[in-house]
N, C-alpha and C. Protein backbone atom coordinates (compact mmCIF):
# COMPACT_ATOMS: atom_id res chain seq x y z
N MET A 1 0.85 -1.17 0.00
CA MET A 1 0.00 0.00 0.00
C MET A 1 0.89 1.23 0.00
N SER A 2 0.88 1.92 -1.10
CA SER A 2 1.78 3.06 -1.22
C SER A 2 1.04 4.39 -1.34
N SER A 3 -0.27 4.36 -1.25
CA SER A 3 -1.04 5.60 -1.35
C SER A 3 -2.25 5.49 -0.44
N SER A 4 -3.20 6.37 -0.64
CA SER A 4 -4.41 6.32 0.18
C SER A 4 -5.48 5.44 -0.45
N VAL A 5 -5.06 4.57 -1.37
CA VAL A 5 -5.98 3.66 -2.04
C VAL A 5 -5.49 2.23 -1.83
N ILE A 6 -6.43 1.34 -1.52
CA ILE A 6 -6.11 -0.07 -1.36
C ILE A 6 -6.82 -0.84 -2.46
N THR A 7 -6.07 -1.58 -3.24
CA THR A 7 -6.65 -2.35 -4.33
C THR A 7 -7.29 -3.63 -3.78
N ASN A 8 -8.08 -4.27 -4.61
CA ASN A 8 -8.71 -5.52 -4.22
C ASN A 8 -7.66 -6.57 -3.86
N ASP A 9 -6.57 -6.63 -4.62
CA ASP A 9 -5.49 -7.58 -4.34
C ASP A 9 -4.88 -7.31 -2.96
N GLU A 10 -4.62 -6.06 -2.65
CA GLU A 10 -4.06 -5.71 -1.33
C GLU A 10 -5.06 -6.04 -0.22
N ARG A 11 -6.33 -5.81 -0.48
CA ARG A 11 -7.37 -6.12 0.49
C ARG A 11 -7.39 -7.62 0.80
N GLN A 12 -7.26 -8.43 -0.24
CA GLN A 12 -7.25 -9.88 -0.06
C GLN A 12 -6.02 -10.32 0.74
N LYS A 13 -4.88 -9.70 0.50
CA LYS A 13 -3.66 -10.03 1.25
C LYS A 13 -3.84 -9.69 2.73
N ILE A 14 -4.42 -8.54 3.01
CA ILE A 14 -4.68 -8.15 4.40
C ILE A 14 -5.62 -9.15 5.05
N ARG A 15 -6.66 -9.53 4.33
CA ARG A 15 -7.63 -10.49 4.85
C ARG A 15 -6.95 -11.82 5.18
N ARG A 16 -6.10 -12.32 4.26
CA ARG A 16 -5.40 -13.58 4.50
C ARG A 16 -4.54 -13.52 5.75
N VAL A 17 -3.82 -12.43 5.93
CA VAL A 17 -2.97 -12.28 7.12
C VAL A 17 -3.82 -12.29 8.38
N LEU A 18 -4.91 -11.55 8.36
CA LEU A 18 -5.75 -11.47 9.55
C LEU A 18 -6.39 -12.81 9.89
N LEU A 19 -6.71 -13.61 8.87
CA LEU A 19 -7.39 -14.88 9.12
C LEU A 19 -6.44 -16.04 9.40
N THR A 20 -5.19 -15.94 8.96
CA THR A 20 -4.33 -17.12 9.05
C THR A 20 -3.06 -16.93 9.85
N ASP A 21 -2.58 -15.75 10.00
CA ASP A 21 -1.28 -15.54 10.63
C ASP A 21 -1.41 -14.85 11.98
N TYR A 22 -0.42 -15.07 12.81
CA TYR A 22 -0.33 -14.39 14.09
C TYR A 22 0.26 -13.00 13.87
N LEU A 23 -0.33 -12.00 14.48
CA LEU A 23 0.19 -10.63 14.38
C LEU A 23 0.92 -10.27 15.66
N ASP A 24 2.13 -9.75 15.52
CA ASP A 24 2.82 -9.25 16.71
C ASP A 24 2.26 -7.86 17.05
N ASP A 25 2.73 -7.27 18.12
CA ASP A 25 2.18 -6.00 18.58
C ASP A 25 2.32 -4.89 17.54
N ASP A 26 3.46 -4.83 16.86
CA ASP A 26 3.67 -3.79 15.84
C ASP A 26 2.72 -3.97 14.66
N GLU A 27 2.57 -5.21 14.20
CA GLU A 27 1.66 -5.47 13.08
C GLU A 27 0.22 -5.16 13.47
N TYR A 28 -0.15 -5.53 14.68
CA TYR A 28 -1.51 -5.24 15.16
C TYR A 28 -1.75 -3.73 15.19
N ALA A 29 -0.76 -2.97 15.63
CA ALA A 29 -0.89 -1.51 15.67
C ALA A 29 -1.06 -0.93 14.27
N ILE A 30 -0.35 -1.50 13.29
CA ILE A 30 -0.49 -1.05 11.91
C ILE A 30 -1.91 -1.31 11.41
N ILE A 31 -2.45 -2.48 11.71
CA ILE A 31 -3.82 -2.81 11.28
C ILE A 31 -4.81 -1.87 11.96
N GLU A 32 -4.63 -1.59 13.25
CA GLU A 32 -5.52 -0.65 13.95
C GLU A 32 -5.48 0.73 13.30
N THR A 33 -4.30 1.19 12.92
CA THR A 33 -4.16 2.48 12.26
C THR A 33 -4.85 2.46 10.91
N LEU A 34 -4.67 1.38 10.16
CA LEU A 34 -5.33 1.25 8.86
C LEU A 34 -6.85 1.32 9.00
N VAL A 35 -7.39 0.58 9.95
CA VAL A 35 -8.84 0.58 10.18
C VAL A 35 -9.31 1.98 10.56
N ASP A 36 -8.56 2.66 11.40
CA ASP A 36 -8.91 4.03 11.79
C ASP A 36 -8.93 4.95 10.58
N HIS A 37 -7.92 4.84 9.73
CA HIS A 37 -7.85 5.70 8.54
C HIS A 37 -8.98 5.40 7.56
N VAL A 38 -9.33 4.13 7.42
CA VAL A 38 -10.46 3.77 6.56
C VAL A 38 -11.75 4.35 7.12
N SER A 39 -11.95 4.23 8.42
CA SER A 39 -13.19 4.73 9.02
C SER A 39 -13.31 6.25 8.93
N ARG A 40 -12.19 6.94 8.87
CA ARG A 40 -12.20 8.40 8.73
C ARG A 40 -12.26 8.85 7.27
N GLY A 41 -12.20 7.89 6.36
CA GLY A 41 -12.26 8.22 4.94
C GLY A 41 -10.93 8.64 4.35
N LEU A 42 -9.84 8.40 5.07
CA LEU A 42 -8.51 8.78 4.59
C LEU A 42 -7.94 7.76 3.61
N VAL A 43 -8.47 6.54 3.66
CA VAL A 43 -8.05 5.46 2.76
C VAL A 43 -9.30 4.91 2.11
N LYS A 44 -9.22 4.63 0.82
CA LYS A 44 -10.36 4.09 0.09
C LYS A 44 -10.00 2.76 -0.54
N PHE A 45 -10.99 1.87 -0.56
CA PHE A 45 -10.84 0.60 -1.26
C PHE A 45 -11.35 0.77 -2.67
N VAL A 46 -10.61 0.25 -3.64
CA VAL A 46 -11.02 0.31 -5.04
C VAL A 46 -11.02 -1.09 -5.62
N GLU A 47 -11.84 -1.29 -6.62
CA GLU A 47 -11.92 -2.59 -7.32
C GLU A 47 -10.86 -2.66 -8.37
């Protein structure tokens, strides 16, 4: 993710990590920040 847009492919990668892998504290903090930015409209998902 290099901009304020997340592609469908990037979204699927995030989903796979969240469903299958263990997140350490730093990774979890990154995901929390991402969710916060999405909820504020700072990041958009595109098809």
